[in-house]
Amino acid sequence: MTTWEYMTTPLIVHNTTAILNNWGAQGWELVQIVQGPEGGLVAYLKRPAGGA
């Protein structure tokens, strides 16, 4: 069975692509983007535990 690790990161609207590409290059897969409590965007990501 695959085990996962998760993380969240704030997204800056004018730099979203670069931020997501950076995390993707490290093996993180985008799960969801939601509006954070302060009104900004927050990305939820996952990767198999012990990933890159």
C-alpha atoms as a PDB file:
ATOM      1  CA  MET A   1       0.000   0.000   0.000  1.00  0.00           C
ATOM      2  CA  THR A   2       1.291   3.460  -0.883  1.00  0.00           C
ATOM      3  CA  THR A   3       1.733   5.864   1.998  1.00  0.00           C
ATOM      4  CA  TRP A   4       1.655   9.596   1.323  1.00  0.00           C
ATOM      5  CA  GLU A   5       3.145  12.747   2.720  1.00  0.00           C
ATOM      6  CA  TYR A   6       1.280  16.017   2.321  1.00  0.00           C
ATOM      7  CA  MET A   7       2.129  19.678   2.383  1.00  0.00           C
ATOM      8  CA  THR A   8       0.540  23.052   1.825  1.00  0.00           C
ATOM      9  CA  THR A   9       1.992  26.177   0.278  1.00  0.00           C
ATOM     10  CA  PRO A  10       0.608  29.658  -0.300  1.00  0.00           C
ATOM     11  CA  LEU A  11       0.307  30.708  -3.944  1.00  0.00           C
ATOM     12  CA  ILE A  12       1.182  34.159  -5.191  1.00  0.00           C
ATOM     13  CA  VAL A  13      -1.220  34.849  -8.056  1.00  0.00           C
ATOM     14  CA  HIS A  14       1.349  36.419 -10.406  1.00  0.00           C
ATOM     15  CA  ASN A  15       3.801  33.530  -9.821  1.00  0.00           C
ATOM     16  CA  THR A  16       1.511  30.490  -9.552  1.00  0.00           C
ATOM     17  CA  THR A  17       2.972  28.536 -12.475  1.00  0.00           C
ATOM     18  CA  ALA A  18       6.561  28.873 -11.274  1.00  0.00           C
ATOM     19  CA  ILE A  19       5.617  27.859  -7.723  1.00  0.00           C
ATOM     20  CA  LEU A  20       3.695  24.768  -8.858  1.00  0.00           C
ATOM     21  CA  ASN A  21       6.405  23.787 -11.386  1.00  0.00           C
ATOM     22  CA  ASN A  22       9.019  24.021  -8.623  1.00  0.00           C
ATOM     23  CA  TRP A  23       7.076  21.686  -6.326  1.00  0.00           C
ATOM     24  CA  GLY A  24       6.234  19.364  -9.232  1.00  0.00           C
ATOM     25  CA  ALA A  25       9.936  19.041 -10.076  1.00  0.00           C
ATOM     26  CA  GLN A  26      10.439  17.800  -6.499  1.00  0.00           C
ATOM     27  CA  GLY A  27       7.853  15.054  -6.961  1.00  0.00           C
ATOM     28  CA  TRP A  28       4.828  16.828  -5.442  1.00  0.00           C
ATOM     29  CA  GLU A  29       1.423  16.386  -7.112  1.00  0.00           C
ATOM     30  CA  LEU A  30      -1.208  19.090  -6.837  1.00  0.00           C
ATOM     31  CA  VAL A  31      -4.349  17.827  -5.097  1.00  0.00           C
ATOM     32  CA  GLN A  32      -6.368  21.007  -4.657  1.00  0.00           C
ATOM     33  CA  ILE A  33      -6.234  24.789  -4.490  1.00  0.00           C
ATOM     34  CA  VAL A  34      -8.481  26.540  -1.967  1.00  0.00           C
ATOM     35  CA  GLN A  35      -8.942  30.041  -0.685  1.00  0.00           C
ATOM     36  CA  GLY A  36      -7.060  30.451   2.582  1.00  0.00           C
ATOM     37  CA  PRO A  37      -8.360  32.058   5.763  1.00  0.00           C
ATOM     38  CA  GLU A  38      -6.667  35.366   4.886  1.00  0.00           C
ATOM     39  CA  GLY A  39      -8.167  35.374   1.379  1.00  0.00           C
ATOM     40  CA  GLY A  40      -5.101  34.168  -0.552  1.00  0.00           C
ATOM     41  CA  LEU A  41      -4.775  30.865  -2.379  1.00  0.00           C
ATOM     42  CA  VAL A  42      -3.334  27.753  -0.752  1.00  0.00           C
ATOM     43  CA  ALA A  43      -2.179  24.681  -2.682  1.00  0.00           C
ATOM     44  CA  TYR A  44      -2.429  21.199  -1.173  1.00  0.00           C
ATOM     45  CA  LEU A  45       0.109  18.737  -2.550  1.00  0.00           C
ATOM     46  CA  LYS A  46       1.036  15.087  -1.993  1.00  0.00           C
ATOM     47  CA  ARG A  47       3.762  12.633  -2.933  1.00  0.00           C
ATOM     48  CA  PRO A  48       4.622   9.077  -1.950  1.00  0.00           C
ATOM     49  CA  ALA A  49       6.345   9.011   1.445  1.00  0.00           C
ATOM     50  CA  GLY A  50      10.107   8.954   1.063  1.00  0.00           C
ATOM     51  CA  GLY A  51       9.841  10.871  -2.259  1.00  0.00           C
ATOM     52  CA  ALA A  52      12.450  13.025  -3.960  1.00  0.00           C
END
